[in-house]
Amino acid sequence: MWWIRQWLQRENVSFTPPALALRKSVEDMLAGVANLRSEQVVRDVVAQLNDRIRALNRIPPMNGPPTSLSVLDVERVVETWRERRVAAVDRP
């Protein structure tokens, strides 16, 4: 199977099931939310992720596990962004 892994890497092919890839995108965004430039960018990113979550929840997956993701609360993510931005500014 080594040659399949090499081929996938060489061709830049991903075999991550859509539900897992989306979950990773959500986790990455939440972990790095403080790095986003503005509140509007945060809202835009969350809206895009929510669109992807809704689309994936609408159709049953052809491959991989079903999704158990719920749409993100935009206001809660914005509040987290504000708190982390303030905390980053307050650090010496």
PDB file of N, CA and C in Angstrom:
ATOM      1  N   MET A   1       0.807  -1.205   0.000  1.00  0.00           N
ATOM      2  CA  MET A   1       0.000   0.000   0.000  1.00  0.00           C
ATOM      3  C   MET A   1       0.854   1.275   0.000  1.00  0.00           C
ATOM      4  N   TRP A   2       2.161   1.139   0.167  1.00  0.00           N
ATOM      5  CA  TRP A   2       3.042   2.301   0.184  1.00  0.00           C
ATOM      6  C   TRP A   2       2.937   3.090  -1.105  1.00  0.00           C
ATOM      7  N   TRP A   3       2.777   2.399  -2.226  1.00  0.00           N
ATOM      8  CA  TRP A   3       2.730   3.093  -3.517  1.00  0.00           C
ATOM      9  C   TRP A   3       1.450   3.907  -3.664  1.00  0.00           C
ATOM     10  N   ILE A   4       0.373   3.448  -3.027  1.00  0.00           N
ATOM     11  CA  ILE A   4      -0.889   4.215  -3.074  1.00  0.00           C
ATOM     12  C   ILE A   4      -0.729   5.498  -2.277  1.00  0.00           C
ATOM     13  N   ARG A   5      -0.128   5.401  -1.085  1.00  0.00           N
ATOM     14  CA  ARG A   5       0.103   6.606  -0.284  1.00  0.00           C
ATOM     15  C   ARG A   5       0.987   7.597  -1.043  1.00  0.00           C
ATOM     16  N   GLN A   6       2.045   7.098  -1.667  1.00  0.00           N
ATOM     17  CA  GLN A   6       2.929   7.984  -2.437  1.00  0.00           C
ATOM     18  C   GLN A   6       2.190   8.634  -3.600  1.00  0.00           C
ATOM     19  N   TRP A   7       1.370   7.864  -4.286  1.00  0.00           N
ATOM     20  CA  TRP A   7       0.606   8.404  -5.419  1.00  0.00           C
ATOM     21  C   TRP A   7      -0.362   9.488  -4.934  1.00  0.00           C
ATOM     22  N   LEU A   8      -1.063   9.215  -3.824  1.00  0.00           N
ATOM     23  CA  LEU A   8      -1.996  10.201  -3.283  1.00  0.00           C
ATOM     24  C   LEU A   8      -1.269  11.488  -2.904  1.00  0.00           C
ATOM     25  N   GLN A   9      -0.099  11.370  -2.285  1.00  0.00           N
ATOM     26  CA  GLN A   9       0.674  12.559  -1.924  1.00  0.00           C
ATOM     27  C   GLN A   9       1.163  13.285  -3.171  1.00  0.00           C
ATOM     28  N   ARG A  10       1.680  12.547  -4.137  1.00  0.00           N
ATOM     29  CA  ARG A  10       2.218  13.146  -5.358  1.00  0.00           C
ATOM     30  C   ARG A  10       1.123  13.875  -6.149  1.00  0.00           C
ATOM     31  N   GLU A  11      -0.064  13.290  -6.199  1.00  0.00           N
ATOM     32  CA  GLU A  11      -1.172  13.878  -6.945  1.00  0.00           C
ATOM     33  C   GLU A  11      -1.985  14.859  -6.106  1.00  0.00           C
ATOM     34  N   ASN A  12      -1.593  15.027  -4.850  1.00  0.00           N
ATOM     35  CA  ASN A  12      -2.276  15.930  -3.929  1.00  0.00           C
ATOM     36  C   ASN A  12      -3.759  15.577  -3.807  1.00  0.00           C
ATOM     37  N   VAL A  13      -4.022  14.286  -3.642  1.00  0.00           N
ATOM     38  CA  VAL A  13      -5.381  13.775  -3.515  1.00  0.00           C
ATOM     39  C   VAL A  13      -5.657  13.523  -2.043  1.00  0.00           C
ATOM     40  N   SER A  14      -6.801  13.978  -1.594  1.00  0.00           N
ATOM     41  CA  SER A  14      -7.179  13.777  -0.198  1.00  0.00           C
ATOM     42  C   SER A  14      -8.255  12.710  -0.128  1.00  0.00           C
ATOM     43  N   PHE A  15      -8.130  11.849   0.855  1.00  0.00           N
ATOM     44  CA  PHE A  15      -9.126  10.819   1.047  1.00  0.00           C
ATOM     45  C   PHE A  15      -9.857  11.002   2.371  1.00  0.00           C
ATOM     46  N   THR A  16      -9.842  12.203   2.874  1.00  0.00           N
ATOM     47  CA  THR A  16     -10.534  12.495   4.120  1.00  0.00           C
ATOM     48  C   THR A  16     -12.031  12.587   3.846  1.00  0.00           C
ATOM     49  N   PRO A  17     -12.844  11.823   4.561  1.00  0.00           N
ATOM     50  CA  PRO A  17     -14.291  11.914   4.376  1.00  0.00           C
ATOM     51  C   PRO A  17     -14.776  13.347   4.619  1.00  0.00           C
ATOM     52  N   PRO A  18     -15.792  13.787   3.875  1.00  0.00           N
ATOM     53  CA  PRO A  18     -16.257  15.179   3.985  1.00  0.00           C
ATOM     54  C   PRO A  18     -16.629  15.607   5.403  1.00  0.00           C
ATOM     55  N   ALA A  19     -17.274  14.742   6.167  1.00  0.00           N
ATOM     56  CA  ALA A  19     -17.681  15.116   7.528  1.00  0.00           C
ATOM     57  C   ALA A  19     -16.458  15.375   8.405  1.00  0.00           C
ATOM     58  N   LEU A  20     -15.423  14.558   8.245  1.00  0.00           N
ATOM     59  CA  LEU A  20     -14.214  14.745   9.049  1.00  0.00           C
ATOM     60  C   LEU A  20     -13.437  15.982   8.604  1.00  0.00           C
ATOM     61  N   ALA A  21     -13.394  16.224   7.301  1.00  0.00           N
ATOM     62  CA  ALA A  21     -12.697  17.409   6.790  1.00  0.00           C
ATOM     63  C   ALA A  21     -13.388  18.680   7.280  1.00  0.00           C
ATOM     64  N   LEU A  22     -14.711  18.682   7.284  1.00  0.00           N
ATOM     65  CA  LEU A  22     -15.451  19.856   7.753  1.00  0.00           C
ATOM     66  C   LEU A  22     -15.256  20.054   9.251  1.00  0.00           C
ATOM     67  N   ARG A  23     -15.279  18.976  10.008  1.00  0.00           N
ATOM     68  CA  ARG A  23     -15.047  19.076  11.462  1.00  0.00           C
ATOM     69  C   ARG A  23     -13.666  19.683  11.731  1.00  0.00           C
ATOM     70  N   LYS A  24     -12.667  19.263  10.955  1.00  0.00           N
ATOM     71  CA  LYS A  24     -11.309  19.808  11.101  1.00  0.00           C
ATOM     72  C   LYS A  24     -11.288  21.285  10.744  1.00  0.00           C
ATOM     73  N   SER A  25     -12.005  21.687   9.707  1.00  0.00           N
ATOM     74  CA  SER A  25     -12.072  23.103   9.330  1.00  0.00           C
ATOM     75  C   SER A  25     -12.671  23.939  10.452  1.00  0.00           C
ATOM     76  N   VAL A  26     -13.719  23.437  11.073  1.00  0.00           N
ATOM     77  CA  VAL A  26     -14.363  24.152  12.182  1.00  0.00           C
ATOM     78  C   VAL A  26     -13.395  24.260  13.358  1.00  0.00           C
ATOM     79  N   GLU A  27     -12.734  23.167  13.701  1.00  0.00           N
ATOM     80  CA  GLU A  27     -11.784  23.192  14.816  1.00  0.00           C
ATOM     81  C   GLU A  27     -10.640  24.162  14.549  1.00  0.00           C
ATOM     82  N   ASP A  28     -10.117  24.143  13.327  1.00  0.00           N
ATOM     83  CA  ASP A  28      -9.015  25.048  12.973  1.00  0.00           C
ATOM     84  C   ASP A  28      -9.448  26.509  13.059  1.00  0.00           C
ATOM     85  N   MET A  29     -10.645  26.799  12.566  1.00  0.00           N
ATOM     86  CA  MET A  29     -11.135  28.174  12.606  1.00  0.00           C
ATOM     87  C   MET A  29     -11.327  28.628  14.053  1.00  0.00           C
ATOM     88  N   LEU A  30     -11.923  27.790  14.884  1.00  0.00           N
ATOM     89  CA  LEU A  30     -12.150  28.172  16.279  1.00  0.00           C
ATOM     90  C   LEU A  30     -10.827  28.343  17.031  1.00  0.00           C
ATOM     91  N   ALA A  31      -9.845  27.526  16.711  1.00  0.00           N
ATOM     92  CA  ALA A  31      -8.544  27.638  17.377  1.00  0.00           C
ATOM     93  C   ALA A  31      -7.815  28.910  16.958  1.00  0.00           C
ATOM     94  N   GLY A  32      -7.992  29.336  15.726  1.00  0.00           N
ATOM     95  CA  GLY A  32      -7.278  30.504  15.224  1.00  0.00           C
ATOM     96  C   GLY A  32      -8.139  31.733  15.053  1.00  0.00           C
ATOM     97  N   VAL A  33      -9.286  31.772  15.708  1.00  0.00           N
ATOM     98  CA  VAL A  33     -10.218  32.882  15.508  1.00  0.00           C
ATOM     99  C   VAL A  33      -9.594  34.231  15.865  1.00  0.00           C
ATOM    100  N   ALA A  34      -8.705  34.264  16.835  1.00  0.00           N
ATOM    101  CA  ALA A  34      -8.092  35.536  17.251  1.00  0.00           C
ATOM    102  C   ALA A  34      -7.192  36.111  16.167  1.00  0.00           C
ATOM    103  N   ASN A  35      -6.759  35.280  15.236  1.00  0.00           N
ATOM    104  CA  ASN A  35      -5.889  35.749  14.163  1.00  0.00           C
ATOM    105  C   ASN A  35      -6.642  36.433  13.023  1.00  0.00           C
ATOM    106  N   LEU A  36      -7.961  36.343  13.035  1.00  0.00           N
ATOM    107  CA  LEU A  36      -8.740  36.989  11.975  1.00  0.00           C
ATOM    108  C   LEU A  36      -8.728  38.495  12.193  1.00  0.00           C
ATOM    109  N   ARG A  37      -8.697  39.253  11.089  1.00  0.00           N
ATOM    110  CA  ARG A  37      -8.462  40.703  11.131  1.00  0.00           C
ATOM    111  C   ARG A  37      -9.576  41.529  11.745  1.00  0.00           C
ATOM    112  N   SER A  38     -10.807  41.159  11.440  1.00  0.00           N
ATOM    113  CA  SER A  38     -11.906  42.020  11.872  1.00  0.00           C
ATOM    114  C   SER A  38     -13.140  41.196  12.192  1.00  0.00           C
ATOM    115  N   GLU A  39     -14.084  41.853  12.827  1.00  0.00           N
ATOM    116  CA  GLU A  39     -15.341  41.191  13.162  1.00  0.00           C
ATOM    117  C   GLU A  39     -16.058  40.744  11.895  1.00  0.00           C
ATOM    118  N   GLN A  40     -16.001  41.558  10.852  1.00  0.00           N
ATOM    119  CA  GLN A  40     -16.673  41.192   9.606  1.00  0.00           C
ATOM    120  C   GLN A  40     -16.055  39.942   8.985  1.00  0.00           C
ATOM    121  N   VAL A  41     -14.745  39.818   9.068  1.00  0.00           N
ATOM    122  CA  VAL A  41     -14.075  38.614   8.546  1.00  0.00           C
ATOM    123  C   VAL A  41     -14.523  37.396   9.353  1.00  0.00           C
ATOM    124  N   VAL A  42     -14.630  37.542  10.671  1.00  0.00           N
ATOM    125  CA  VAL A  42     -15.097  36.447  11.517  1.00  0.00           C
ATOM    126  C   VAL A  42     -16.500  36.036  11.089  1.00  0.00           C
ATOM    127  N   ARG A  43     -17.368  37.019  10.920  1.00  0.00           N
ATOM    128  CA  ARG A  43     -18.744  36.723  10.508  1.00  0.00           C
ATOM    129  C   ARG A  43     -18.782  36.035   9.142  1.00  0.00           C
ATOM    130  N   ASP A  44     -17.955  36.480   8.214  1.00  0.00           N
ATOM    131  CA  ASP A  44     -17.920  35.883   6.873  1.00  0.00           C
ATOM    132  C   ASP A  44     -17.432  34.436   6.925  1.00  0.00           C
ATOM    133  N   VAL A  45     -16.377  34.199   7.695  1.00  0.00           N
ATOM    134  CA  VAL A  45     -15.828  32.840   7.804  1.00  0.00           C
ATOM    135  C   VAL A  45     -16.858  31.904   8.438  1.00  0.00           C
ATOM    136  N   VAL A  46     -17.508  32.358   9.495  1.00  0.00           N
ATOM    137  CA  VAL A  46     -18.525  31.538  10.156  1.00  0.00           C
ATOM    138  C   VAL A  46     -19.696  31.282   9.211  1.00  0.00           C
ATOM    139  N   ALA A  47     -20.110  32.289   8.457  1.00  0.00           N
ATOM    140  CA  ALA A  47     -21.206  32.105   7.505  1.00  0.00           C
ATOM    141  C   ALA A  47     -20.851  31.063   6.449  1.00  0.00           C
ATOM    142  N   GLN A  48     -19.617  31.098   5.953  1.00  0.00           N
ATOM    143  CA  GLN A  48     -19.185  30.109   4.962  1.00  0.00           C
ATOM    144  C   GLN A  48     -19.172  28.703   5.553  1.00  0.00           C
ATOM    145  N   LEU A  49     -18.650  28.581   6.776  1.00  0.00           N
ATOM    146  CA  LEU A  49     -18.646  27.275   7.427  1.00  0.00           C
ATOM    147  C   LEU A  49     -20.073  26.787   7.693  1.00  0.00           C
ATOM    148  N   ASN A  50     -20.954  27.684   8.112  1.00  0.00           N
ATOM    149  CA  ASN A  50     -22.342  27.294   8.348  1.00  0.00           C
ATOM    150  C   ASN A  50     -23.009  26.821   7.059  1.00  0.00           C
ATOM    151  N   ASP A  51     -22.700  27.467   5.941  1.00  0.00           N
ATOM    152  CA  ASP A  51     -23.241  27.019   4.646  1.00  0.00           C
ATOM    153  C   ASP A  51     -22.757  25.608   4.324  1.00  0.00           C
ATOM    154  N   ARG A  52     -21.474  25.350   4.573  1.00  0.00           N
ATOM    155  CA  ARG A  52     -20.926  24.011   4.325  1.00  0.00           C
ATOM    156  C   ARG A  52     -21.560  22.977   5.248  1.00  0.00           C
ATOM    157  N   ILE A  53     -21.776  23.341   6.513  1.00  0.00           N
ATOM    158  CA  ILE A  53     -22.399  22.429   7.475  1.00  0.00           C
ATOM    159  C   ILE A  53     -23.818  22.105   7.038  1.00  0.00           C
ATOM    160  N   ARG A  54     -24.590  23.122   6.673  1.00  0.00           N
ATOM    161  CA  ARG A  54     -25.974  22.897   6.224  1.00  0.00           C
ATOM    162  C   ARG A  54     -26.015  21.997   4.989  1.00  0.00           C
ATOM    163  N   ALA A  55     -25.117  22.250   4.044  1.00  0.00           N
ATOM    164  CA  ALA A  55     -25.086  21.451   2.816  1.00  0.00           C
ATOM    165  C   ALA A  55     -24.757  19.995   3.130  1.00  0.00           C
ATOM    166  N   LEU A  56     -23.795  19.765   4.010  1.00  0.00           N
ATOM    167  CA  LEU A  56     -23.415  18.401   4.351  1.00  0.00           C
ATOM    168  C   LEU A  56     -24.499  17.704   5.157  1.00  0.00           C
ATOM    169  N   ASN A  57     -25.201  18.448   6.003  1.00  0.00           N
ATOM    170  CA  ASN A  57     -26.287  17.853   6.794  1.00  0.00           C
ATOM    171  C   ASN A  57     -27.501  17.522   5.935  1.00  0.00           C
ATOM    172  N   ARG A  58     -27.672  18.226   4.826  1.00  0.00           N
ATOM    173  CA  ARG A  58     -28.827  18.015   3.946  1.00  0.00           C
ATOM    174  C   ARG A  58     -28.758  16.698   3.186  1.00  0.00           C
ATOM    175  N   ILE A  59     -27.557  16.293   2.813  1.00  0.00           N
ATOM    176  CA  ILE A  59     -27.421  15.085   2.003  1.00  0.00           C
ATOM    177  C   ILE A  59     -26.700  14.006   2.799  1.00  0.00           C
ATOM    178  N   PRO A  60     -27.142  12.776   2.690  1.00  0.00           N
ATOM    179  CA  PRO A  60     -26.420  11.710   3.388  1.00  0.00           C
ATOM    180  C   PRO A  60     -25.073  11.481   2.709  1.00  0.00           C
ATOM    181  N   PRO A  61     -24.045  11.189   3.481  1.00  0.00           N
ATOM    182  CA  PRO A  61     -22.719  11.015   2.888  1.00  0.00           C
ATOM    183  C   PRO A  61     -22.636   9.747   2.045  1.00  0.00           C
ATOM    184  N   MET A  62     -21.940   9.866   0.918  1.00  0.00           N
ATOM    185  CA  MET A  62     -21.717   8.708   0.060  1.00  0.00           C
ATOM    186  C   MET A  62     -20.566   7.862   0.616  1.00  0.00           C
ATOM    187  N   ASN A  63     -19.604   8.543   1.224  1.00  0.00           N
ATOM    188  CA  ASN A  63     -18.480   7.829   1.820  1.00  0.00           C
ATOM    189  C   ASN A  63     -18.143   8.495   3.140  1.00  0.00           C
ATOM    190  N   GLY A  64     -17.800   7.693   4.097  1.00  0.00           N
ATOM    191  CA  GLY A  64     -17.435   8.239   5.395  1.00  0.00           C
ATOM    192  C   GLY A  64     -18.622   8.337   6.331  1.00  0.00           C
ATOM    193  N   PRO A  65     -18.336   8.768   7.552  1.00  0.00           N
ATOM    194  CA  PRO A  65     -19.378   8.839   8.573  1.00  0.00           C
ATOM    195  C   PRO A  65     -20.323  10.021   8.327  1.00  0.00           C
ATOM    196  N   PRO A  66     -21.525   9.925   8.865  1.00  0.00           N
ATOM    197  CA  PRO A  66     -22.426  11.073   8.771  1.00  0.00           C
ATOM    198  C   PRO A  66     -21.921  12.203   9.661  1.00  0.00           C
ATOM    199  N   THR A  67     -22.376  13.385   9.386  1.00  0.00           N
ATOM    200  CA  THR A  67     -21.953  14.527  10.183  1.00  0.00           C
ATOM    201  C   THR A  67     -22.877  14.714  11.382  1.00  0.00           C
ATOM    202  N   SER A  68     -22.301  15.142  12.463  1.00  0.00           N
ATOM    203  CA  SER A  68     -23.094  15.462  13.656  1.00  0.00           C
ATOM    204  C   SER A  68     -22.880  16.931  14.013  1.00  0.00           C
ATOM    205  N   LEU A  69     -22.353  17.698  13.063  1.00  0.00           N
ATOM    206  CA  LEU A  69     -22.076  19.113  13.313  1.00  0.00           C
ATOM    207  C   LEU A  69     -23.353  19.940  13.280  1.00  0.00           C
ATOM    208  N   SER A  70     -23.425  20.890  14.183  1.00  0.00           N
ATOM    209  CA  SER A  70     -24.492  21.881  14.171  1.00  0.00           C
ATOM    210  C   SER A  70     -23.896  23.190  13.675  1.00  0.00           C
ATOM    211  N   VAL A  71     -24.737  24.043  13.126  1.00  0.00           N
ATOM    212  CA  VAL A  71     -24.232  25.333  12.669  1.00  0.00           C
ATOM    213  C   VAL A  71     -23.689  26.104  13.867  1.00  0.00           C
ATOM    214  N   LEU A  72     -22.723  26.944  13.594  1.00  0.00           N
ATOM    215  CA  LEU A  72     -22.072  27.723  14.642  1.00  0.00           C
ATOM    216  C   LEU A  72     -22.901  28.953  14.981  1.00  0.00           C
ATOM    217  N   ASP A  73     -22.895  29.329  16.231  1.00  0.00           N
ATOM    218  CA  ASP A  73     -23.549  30.550  16.686  1.00  0.00           C
ATOM    219  C   ASP A  73     -22.602  31.715  16.373  1.00  0.00           C
ATOM    220  N   VAL A  74     -22.975  32.536  15.400  1.00  0.00           N
ATOM    221  CA  VAL A  74     -22.115  33.629  14.945  1.00  0.00           C
ATOM    222  C   VAL A  74     -21.765  34.563  16.091  1.00  0.00           C
ATOM    223  N   GLU A  75     -22.740  34.936  16.881  1.00  0.00           N
ATOM    224  CA  GLU A  75     -22.498  35.881  17.972  1.00  0.00           C
ATOM    225  C   GLU A  75     -21.548  35.308  19.020  1.00  0.00           C
ATOM    226  N   ARG A  76     -21.658  34.024  19.300  1.00  0.00           N
ATOM    227  CA  ARG A  76     -20.760  33.388  20.266  1.00  0.00           C
ATOM    228  C   ARG A  76     -19.326  33.373  19.735  1.00  0.00           C
ATOM    229  N   VAL A  77     -19.154  33.082  18.443  1.00  0.00           N
ATOM    230  CA  VAL A  77     -17.811  33.070  17.860  1.00  0.00           C
ATOM    231  C   VAL A  77     -17.227  34.485  17.843  1.00  0.00           C
ATOM    232  N   VAL A  78     -18.048  35.482  17.527  1.00  0.00           N
ATOM    233  CA  VAL A  78     -17.584  36.876  17.542  1.00  0.00           C
ATOM    234  C   VAL A  78     -17.176  37.270  18.954  1.00  0.00           C
ATOM    235  N   GLU A  79     -17.938  36.875  19.947  1.00  0.00           N
ATOM    236  CA  GLU A  79     -17.593  37.182  21.339  1.00  0.00           C
ATOM    237  C   GLU A  79     -16.262  36.526  21.723  1.00  0.00           C
ATOM    238  N   THR A  80     -16.064  35.281  21.305  1.00  0.00           N
ATOM    239  CA  THR A  80     -14.793  34.600  21.549  1.00  0.00           C
ATOM    240  C   THR A  80     -13.659  35.356  20.878  1.00  0.00           C
ATOM    241  N   TRP A  81     -13.871  35.803  19.651  1.00  0.00           N
ATOM    242  CA  TRP A  81     -12.867  36.586  18.922  1.00  0.00           C
ATOM    243  C   TRP A  81     -12.503  37.848  19.699  1.00  0.00           C
ATOM    244  N   ARG A  82     -13.520  38.569  20.178  1.00  0.00           N
ATOM    245  CA  ARG A  82     -13.264  39.795  20.953  1.00  0.00           C
ATOM    246  C   ARG A  82     -12.446  39.501  22.211  1.00  0.00           C
ATOM    247  N   GLU A  83     -12.842  38.461  22.938  1.00  0.00           N
ATOM    248  CA  GLU A  83     -12.133  38.121  24.178  1.00  0.00           C
ATOM    249  C   GLU A  83     -10.682  37.757  23.905  1.00  0.00           C
ATOM    250  N   ARG A  84     -10.448  36.986  22.884  1.00  0.00           N
ATOM    251  CA  ARG A  84      -9.067  36.579  22.579  1.00  0.00           C
ATOM    252  C   ARG A  84      -8.238  37.734  22.054  1.00  0.00           C
ATOM    253  N   ARG A  85      -8.854  38.639  21.319  1.00  0.00           N
ATOM    254  CA  ARG A  85      -8.137  39.808  20.836  1.00  0.00           C
ATOM    255  C   ARG A  85      -7.716  40.696  22.005  1.00  0.00           C
ATOM    256  N   VAL A  86      -8.626  40.900  22.958  1.00  0.00           N
ATOM    257  CA  VAL A  86      -8.320  41.718  24.133  1.00  0.00           C
ATOM    258  C   VAL A  86      -7.208  41.062  24.941  1.00  0.00           C
ATOM    259  N   ALA A  87      -7.320  39.728  25.121  1.00  0.00           N
ATOM    260  CA  ALA A  87      -6.308  39.007  25.883  1.00  0.00           C
ATOM    261  C   ALA A  87      -4.938  39.104  25.195  1.00  0.00           C
ATOM    262  N   ALA A  88      -4.899  39.086  23.886  1.00  0.00           N
ATOM    263  CA  ALA A  88      -3.633  39.177  23.146  1.00  0.00           C
ATOM    264  C   ALA A  88      -3.034  40.561  23.284  1.00  0.00           C
ATOM    265  N   VAL A  89      -3.856  41.588  23.323  1.00  0.00           N
ATOM    266  CA  VAL A  89      -3.385  42.967  23.463  1.00  0.00           C
ATOM    267  C   VAL A  89      -2.877  43.215  24.880  1.00  0.00           C
ATOM    268  N   ASP A  90      -3.531  42.613  25.866  1.00  0.00           N
ATOM    269  CA  ASP A  90      -3.153  42.809  27.278  1.00  0.00           C
ATOM    270  C   ASP A  90      -1.854  42.105  27.656  1.00  0.00           C
ATOM    271  N   ARG A  91      -1.430  41.139  26.863  1.00  0.00           N
ATOM    272  CA  ARG A  91      -0.174  40.424  27.175  1.00  0.00           C
ATOM    273  C   ARG A  91       1.028  41.327  26.964  1.00  0.00           C
ATOM    274  N   PRO A  92       1.997  41.250  27.883  1.00  0.00           N
ATOM    275  CA  PRO A  92       3.198  42.099  27.721  1.00  0.00           C
ATOM    276  C   PRO A  92       4.105  41.611  26.623  1.00  0.00           C
TER     277      PRO A  92
END
